[in-house]
Amino acid sequence: MDYNHIPRQSLGFFPTPLIELTRLSDKLGGPTMFMKRDDNTGLALGGNKTRKLEFIMGDALAQGADCVITAGAAQSNHCRQTAAAVASLGLDCHLVLGGEEPEQASGNLLLDKIFGCHIHWAGAHRKGEDIPKIVEQLKTQGKKPYVIPYGGSNELGALAFVEAFKELESQRTSMDVSFTHIVFASSSGATQAGLMLGKKMLNSPAQIVGINIDKGETDKVPFDQYTVALANSTAALIAADHQFSESDLILNSDYVGGGYGVVGALENEAIEMTAQTEGILLDPVYTGRAMGGLIDMIRTGKIKQTDRVLFWHTGGAPALFAYSSALEITQKR
């Protein structure tokens, strides 16, 4: 895995912790459960996007960019971590956010403003549809903009999760544990593509199981096709001799519910159960839905009591504060 020639900017705290979830496992009657704590990456209250941004911002600096532009939902974890990364490097940050500006900023949006971002409200266009127009405006002002795709999901973002899989394997070996499944929220593609490639390169037997978060498509391409293509183009980037097809992709779309960012009973239970058994906060959009899916797969026997499951916590807890009206907490243990 020789990709040392690719620029990388240090931004986070790595390796992130790998812990066992004994109380949550007991609550569910098995299986053995572990968690990879990418909510502890450090940058702007943490999250998996920090990994991607180390390679992406390395490329931006190498290209001489003086401003960065990316897009997401109003409570985007990617945008919040991008804002922090760009601020730490002394560049300007432009965020193109879906929806309309609320009367009061909270959660990730509040942090975006604290980091001093230029925020462009885009209505229904939360996946960067308006970026080309803003790029041209910036160029006419003499700026050198660098565009980060939605979710940081390109080959550099996926490469970060090849490196993350290598990090996990080192921890797993030192702890003398193994996993039958690695479960996580899959939304923009690079996390899953990188983990798929890391699994192949390190010959891991673990199933890479993405829980689909969003009903939408990426660049008008079905999400499963996009993720497979990204795994292949990332392999080509680092001259890895691996080729993927859709049969290699495990993407569970049973839990998208009302759609992106719509919180229901599944997410509520997962957030409450994880907090009250392990003292760990999940978010309402990504990790809450992914953990809810995992809990259901355990209860329905799709994941067996004898399995050994790793849940990859991708962060996002700041969004909890913006979703207070959608959270139904029983306050019981």
Protein backbone atom coordinates (compact mmCIF):
# COMPACT_ATOMS: atom_id res chain seq x y z
CA MET A 1 0.00 0.00 0.00
CA ASP A 2 2.40 2.64 -1.25
CA TYR A 3 0.59 5.97 -1.50
CA ASN A 4 3.11 8.12 0.37
CA HIS A 5 3.50 10.28 -2.75
CA ILE A 6 -0.06 11.58 -2.31
CA PRO A 7 -0.13 14.86 -0.31
CA ARG A 8 -1.62 14.67 3.17
CA GLN A 9 -2.28 17.39 5.74
CA SER A 10 -2.40 16.36 9.39
CA LEU A 11 -5.72 17.41 10.92
CA GLY A 12 -6.92 14.77 13.38
CA PHE A 13 -6.02 12.53 16.30
CA PHE A 14 -5.22 9.01 15.12
CA PRO A 15 -5.58 6.15 15.76
CA THR A 16 -9.09 6.59 17.11
CA PRO A 17 -10.09 4.25 19.96
CA LEU A 18 -11.36 0.73 19.40
CA ILE A 19 -13.57 -0.34 22.31
CA GLU A 20 -15.85 -3.22 23.25
CA LEU A 21 -19.56 -2.51 23.83
CA THR A 22 -20.20 -5.05 26.56
CA ARG A 23 -23.32 -3.45 28.07
CA LEU A 24 -25.00 -2.89 24.71
CA SER A 25 -24.21 -6.48 23.74
CA ASP A 26 -25.72 -7.72 27.01
CA LYS A 27 -28.83 -5.59 26.41
CA LEU A 28 -29.33 -7.23 23.01
CA GLY A 29 -28.37 -10.74 24.11
CA GLY A 30 -25.32 -10.78 21.85
CA PRO A 31 -23.42 -10.72 19.54
CA THR A 32 -20.00 -9.53 20.72
CA MET A 33 -19.86 -5.85 19.76
CA PHE A 34 -17.05 -3.36 19.26
CA MET A 35 -16.99 0.27 18.18
CA LYS A 36 -14.42 2.27 16.21
CA ARG A 37 -14.66 5.77 17.70
CA ASP A 38 -14.23 8.13 14.76
CA ASP A 39 -16.34 10.57 16.72
CA ASN A 40 -13.03 11.15 18.52
CA THR A 41 -10.96 12.38 15.56
CA GLY A 42 -10.66 15.75 17.27
CA LEU A 43 -11.36 18.22 14.48
CA ALA A 44 -14.45 20.34 15.32
CA LEU A 45 -15.86 17.75 17.76
CA GLY A 46 -14.78 14.86 15.55
CA GLY A 47 -16.13 12.62 12.81
CA ASN A 48 -15.02 10.41 9.96
CA LYS A 49 -14.73 13.30 7.49
CA THR A 50 -11.50 14.36 9.22
CA ARG A 51 -9.82 11.33 7.68
CA LYS A 52 -10.96 12.30 4.19
CA LEU A 53 -10.00 15.92 4.67
CA GLU A 54 -6.39 15.05 5.49
CA PHE A 55 -5.92 13.84 1.91
CA ILE A 56 -8.31 16.32 0.30
CA MET A 57 -6.80 19.37 1.99
CA GLY A 58 -3.33 18.05 1.22
CA ASP A 59 -4.33 18.16 -2.44
CA ALA A 60 -5.90 21.62 -2.10
CA LEU A 61 -2.70 23.04 -0.61
CA ALA A 62 -0.57 21.34 -3.26
CA GLN A 63 -2.69 23.03 -5.93
CA GLY A 64 -2.25 26.46 -4.33
CA ALA A 65 -5.90 27.01 -3.44
CA ASP A 66 -6.80 30.05 -1.35
CA CYS A 67 -10.44 29.12 -0.76
CA VAL A 68 -12.45 25.92 -0.50
CA ILE A 69 -16.07 25.26 -1.46
CA THR A 70 -18.25 22.29 -0.59
CA ALA A 71 -21.91 21.47 -0.04
CA GLY A 72 -24.30 19.59 2.20
CA ALA A 73 -27.45 19.73 4.25
CA ALA A 74 -27.89 22.50 6.82
CA GLN A 75 -26.69 20.12 9.54
CA SER A 76 -23.90 18.57 7.45
CA ASN A 77 -21.12 16.98 9.50
CA HIS A 78 -18.88 17.12 6.44
CA CYS A 79 -19.38 20.88 6.11
CA ARG A 80 -18.70 21.44 9.82
CA GLN A 81 -15.41 19.53 9.71
CA THR A 82 -14.43 21.17 6.40
CA ALA A 83 -15.06 24.58 7.95
CA ALA A 84 -12.73 23.75 10.83
CA ALA A 85 -10.02 22.29 8.60
CA VAL A 86 -10.05 25.30 6.30
CA ALA A 87 -9.96 27.72 9.22
CA SER A 88 -6.97 25.90 10.73
CA LEU A 89 -5.08 26.31 7.44
CA GLY A 90 -5.87 30.01 7.01
CA LEU A 91 -8.02 29.66 3.87
CA ASP A 92 -11.52 30.93 3.10
CA CYS A 93 -14.43 28.50 3.30
CA HIS A 94 -17.63 28.63 1.26
CA LEU A 95 -20.46 26.27 2.20
CA VAL A 96 -23.44 25.67 -0.08
CA LEU A 97 -26.18 24.44 2.24
CA GLY A 98 -29.57 23.00 1.40
CA GLY A 99 -32.71 24.66 2.69
CA GLU A 100 -33.34 28.21 3.87
CA GLU A 101 -31.52 30.10 6.59
CA PRO A 102 -33.23 29.47 9.96
CA GLU A 103 -34.01 32.25 12.38
CA GLN A 104 -31.59 30.76 14.88
CA ALA A 105 -28.49 28.68 14.14
CA SER A 106 -27.91 25.51 16.15
CA GLY A 107 -25.91 22.29 15.96
CA ASN A 108 -23.50 22.05 13.05
CA LEU A 109 -24.75 25.25 11.46
CA LEU A 110 -23.85 27.22 14.58
CA LEU A 111 -20.34 25.78 14.43
CA ASP A 112 -20.05 26.64 10.72
CA LYS A 113 -20.74 30.26 11.60
CA ILE A 114 -18.27 30.22 14.49
CA PHE A 115 -15.59 29.01 12.06
CA GLY A 116 -16.28 32.07 9.91
CA CYS A 117 -17.66 30.43 6.77
CA HIS A 118 -19.32 32.15 3.85
CA ILE A 119 -22.69 30.37 3.71
CA HIS A 120 -24.75 30.17 0.51
CA TRP A 121 -28.32 28.88 0.95
CA ALA A 122 -29.42 26.66 -1.93
CA GLY A 123 -32.97 25.54 -1.24
CA ALA A 124 -33.50 22.01 -2.56
CA HIS A 125 -29.92 21.82 -3.85
CA ARG A 126 -28.11 20.25 -0.89
CA LYS A 127 -25.68 18.13 -2.96
CA GLY A 128 -23.69 20.92 -4.57
CA GLU A 129 -25.76 21.64 -7.66
CA ASP A 130 -25.02 25.37 -7.27
CA ILE A 131 -21.26 25.02 -6.80
CA PRO A 132 -20.20 25.68 -10.45
CA LYS A 133 -21.90 29.09 -10.42
CA ILE A 134 -20.20 30.08 -7.17
CA VAL A 135 -16.83 28.84 -8.41
CA GLU A 136 -17.09 31.16 -11.41
CA GLN A 137 -17.98 34.06 -9.15
CA LEU A 138 -14.93 33.38 -7.00
CA LYS A 139 -12.66 33.15 -10.03
CA THR A 140 -13.85 36.54 -11.29
CA GLN A 141 -12.75 37.92 -7.91
CA GLY A 142 -9.24 36.57 -8.51
CA LYS A 143 -9.65 33.62 -6.13
CA LYS A 144 -8.29 30.09 -6.57
CA PRO A 145 -11.18 27.91 -5.40
CA TYR A 146 -10.86 24.21 -4.66
CA VAL A 147 -14.05 22.16 -4.84
CA ILE A 148 -14.62 19.33 -2.38
CA PRO A 149 -17.38 16.98 -3.55
CA TYR A 150 -20.46 16.17 -1.49
CA GLY A 151 -19.39 14.25 1.60
CA GLY A 152 -15.74 14.40 0.58
CA SER A 153 -16.51 11.38 -1.57
CA ASN A 154 -13.89 11.07 -4.27
CA GLU A 155 -10.81 8.89 -4.65
CA LEU A 156 -8.88 10.85 -2.02
CA GLY A 157 -11.74 10.49 0.46
CA ALA A 158 -11.94 6.76 -0.21
CA LEU A 159 -8.18 6.42 0.10
CA ALA A 160 -8.49 7.77 3.64
CA PHE A 161 -10.58 4.72 4.51
CA VAL A 162 -8.08 2.33 3.00
CA GLU A 163 -5.70 3.88 5.52
CA ALA A 164 -8.40 3.64 8.20
CA PHE A 165 -8.83 -0.08 7.53
CA LYS A 166 -5.08 -0.52 7.91
CA GLU A 167 -5.32 1.32 11.26
CA LEU A 168 -8.16 -0.95 12.38
CA GLU A 169 -6.24 -4.09 11.43
CA SER A 170 -3.28 -2.98 13.53
CA GLN A 171 -5.54 -2.40 16.54
CA ARG A 172 -7.47 -5.61 16.01
CA THR A 173 -4.28 -7.64 15.87
CA SER A 174 -2.84 -6.08 19.01
CA MET A 175 -6.11 -6.75 20.86
CA ASP A 176 -6.33 -10.30 19.47
CA VAL A 177 -9.91 -9.88 18.25
CA SER A 178 -11.62 -10.52 14.92
CA PHE A 179 -14.82 -9.32 13.27
CA THR A 180 -17.42 -11.05 11.16
CA HIS A 181 -19.13 -7.76 10.22
CA ILE A 182 -18.15 -4.09 10.00
CA VAL A 183 -21.32 -1.96 10.05
CA PHE A 184 -21.54 1.80 9.40
CA ALA A 185 -23.65 4.58 7.92
CA SER A 186 -23.24 4.79 4.13
CA SER A 187 -24.31 8.06 2.56
CA SER A 188 -21.95 9.58 -0.01
CA GLY A 189 -19.90 6.51 -0.87
CA ALA A 190 -16.24 7.07 -0.03
CA THR A 191 -16.26 5.46 3.41
CA GLN A 192 -17.74 2.24 2.01
CA ALA A 193 -15.57 2.27 -1.13
CA GLY A 194 -12.42 2.73 0.95
CA LEU A 195 -13.33 0.01 3.43
CA MET A 196 -14.11 -2.38 0.56
CA LEU A 197 -10.69 -1.74 -0.94
CA GLY A 198 -8.95 -1.96 2.44
CA LYS A 199 -10.61 -5.32 3.07
CA LYS A 200 -9.36 -6.66 -0.27
CA MET A 201 -5.84 -5.34 0.15
CA LEU A 202 -5.48 -6.80 3.65
CA ASN A 203 -7.39 -10.00 2.87
CA SER A 204 -9.87 -9.52 5.70
CA PRO A 205 -12.79 -11.96 6.06
CA ALA A 206 -15.11 -9.35 7.63
CA GLN A 207 -18.27 -8.37 5.75
CA ILE A 208 -18.36 -4.64 4.96
CA VAL A 209 -22.01 -3.71 5.62
CA GLY A 210 -23.19 -0.21 4.77
CA ILE A 211 -26.53 0.99 6.11
CA ASN A 212 -27.98 3.26 3.44
CA ILE A 213 -28.95 6.65 4.90
CA ASP A 214 -30.36 8.46 1.88
CA LYS A 215 -32.93 7.56 -0.76
CA GLY A 216 -31.28 9.88 -3.27
CA GLU A 217 -28.78 9.27 -6.03
CA THR A 218 -25.27 10.67 -6.52
CA ASP A 219 -24.69 12.59 -9.78
CA LYS A 220 -27.80 10.88 -11.22
CA VAL A 221 -26.08 7.50 -10.86
CA PRO A 222 -27.64 4.86 -8.58
CA PHE A 223 -25.77 4.88 -5.29
CA ASP A 224 -24.70 1.23 -5.47
CA GLN A 225 -23.17 1.72 -8.92
CA TYR A 226 -21.46 4.92 -7.81
CA THR A 227 -19.87 3.26 -4.77
CA VAL A 228 -18.53 0.33 -6.78
CA ALA A 229 -17.12 2.68 -9.42
CA LEU A 230 -15.44 4.74 -6.72
CA ALA A 231 -13.84 1.64 -5.20
CA ASN A 232 -12.45 0.78 -8.63
CA SER A 233 -11.14 4.26 -9.40
CA THR A 234 -9.51 4.43 -5.96
CA ALA A 235 -7.79 1.11 -6.59
CA ALA A 236 -6.53 2.52 -9.89
CA LEU A 237 -5.26 5.66 -8.15
CA ILE A 238 -2.86 3.63 -6.01
CA ALA A 239 -2.21 0.93 -8.63
CA ALA A 240 -3.89 -1.76 -6.53
CA ASP A 241 -4.70 -4.89 -8.51
CA HIS A 242 -8.33 -5.19 -7.45
CA GLN A 243 -11.55 -4.91 -9.40
CA PHE A 244 -15.02 -4.68 -7.84
CA SER A 245 -18.49 -5.49 -9.12
CA GLU A 246 -21.91 -4.90 -7.57
CA SER A 247 -21.76 -8.41 -6.09
CA ASP A 248 -18.97 -7.15 -3.78
CA LEU A 249 -21.19 -4.41 -2.34
CA ILE A 250 -23.30 -4.98 0.77
CA LEU A 251 -25.62 -1.99 1.07
CA ASN A 252 -28.70 -2.41 3.26
CA SER A 253 -31.48 -0.01 2.25
CA ASP A 254 -34.14 -1.36 4.62
CA TYR A 255 -33.84 1.52 7.08
CA VAL A 256 -34.09 4.73 5.03
CA GLY A 257 -37.56 5.30 6.53
CA GLY A 258 -38.94 8.71 5.65
CA GLY A 259 -35.72 9.70 3.91
CA TYR A 260 -32.61 11.69 4.68
CA GLY A 261 -32.71 13.44 8.05
CA VAL A 262 -36.22 12.22 8.94
CA VAL A 263 -35.99 10.88 12.48
CA GLY A 264 -38.28 8.07 13.58
CA ALA A 265 -38.61 5.37 16.20
CA LEU A 266 -35.62 3.44 14.82
CA GLU A 267 -33.20 6.32 15.36
CA ASN A 268 -34.72 7.33 18.68
CA GLU A 269 -34.32 3.88 20.17
CA ALA A 270 -30.76 3.47 18.92
CA ILE A 271 -29.65 6.85 20.27
CA GLU A 272 -31.24 6.23 23.65
CA MET A 273 -30.06 2.63 24.01
CA THR A 274 -26.45 3.42 23.08
CA ALA A 275 -26.34 6.43 25.39
CA GLN A 276 -27.88 4.61 28.35
CA THR A 277 -25.80 1.44 28.05
CA GLU A 278 -22.44 2.82 26.94
CA GLY A 279 -22.54 6.57 27.58
CA ILE A 280 -21.88 7.18 23.87
CA LEU A 281 -23.80 9.71 21.77
CA LEU A 282 -25.00 8.90 18.27
CA ASP A 283 -26.44 11.43 15.85
CA PRO A 284 -30.01 11.48 14.51
CA VAL A 285 -29.16 11.34 10.77
CA TYR A 286 -26.30 8.88 10.26
CA THR A 287 -25.07 6.83 13.20
CA GLY A 288 -28.50 6.70 14.86
CA ARG A 289 -29.99 5.18 11.72
CA ALA A 290 -27.04 2.84 11.19
CA MET A 291 -27.12 1.60 14.79
CA GLY A 292 -30.89 1.22 14.54
CA GLY A 293 -30.38 -0.98 11.49
CA LEU A 294 -27.76 -3.04 13.31
CA ILE A 295 -30.06 -3.53 16.30
CA ASP A 296 -32.83 -4.71 13.99
CA MET A 297 -30.51 -7.11 12.16
CA ILE A 298 -29.52 -8.60 15.51
CA ARG A 299 -33.14 -8.96 16.64
CA THR A 300 -34.21 -10.56 13.36
CA GLY A 301 -31.29 -13.00 13.31
CA LYS A 302 -29.56 -11.56 10.24
CA ILE A 303 -26.61 -11.07 12.56
CA LYS A 304 -26.24 -14.02 14.92
CA GLN A 305 -25.40 -14.11 18.62
CA THR A 306 -22.14 -15.88 17.79
CA ASP A 307 -21.01 -13.12 15.40
CA ARG A 308 -18.47 -10.43 16.28
CA VAL A 309 -19.57 -7.03 15.03
CA LEU A 310 -17.68 -3.76 14.70
CA PHE A 311 -19.82 -0.61 14.51
CA TRP A 312 -17.86 2.24 12.93
CA HIS A 313 -18.99 5.43 14.67
CA THR A 314 -18.67 8.14 12.01
CA GLY A 315 -19.50 11.03 14.37
CA GLY A 316 -22.17 13.72 14.11
CA ALA A 317 -23.28 14.29 17.69
CA PRO A 318 -23.47 18.13 17.30
CA ALA A 319 -26.60 17.61 15.17
CA LEU A 320 -28.45 16.29 18.24
CA PHE A 321 -28.97 19.86 19.42
CA ALA A 322 -30.72 20.82 16.19
CA TYR A 323 -33.05 17.80 16.31
CA SER A 324 -34.33 18.18 19.87
CA SER A 325 -37.96 18.39 18.74
CA ALA A 326 -37.67 15.09 16.83
CA LEU A 327 -36.05 13.13 19.67
CA GLU A 328 -38.34 11.16 21.97
CA ILE A 329 -36.32 10.15 25.01
CA THR A 330 -38.01 8.10 27.75
CA GLN A 331 -35.44 9.11 30.42
CA LYS A 332 -35.44 5.55 31.75
CA ARG A 333 -32.61 3.07 32.14
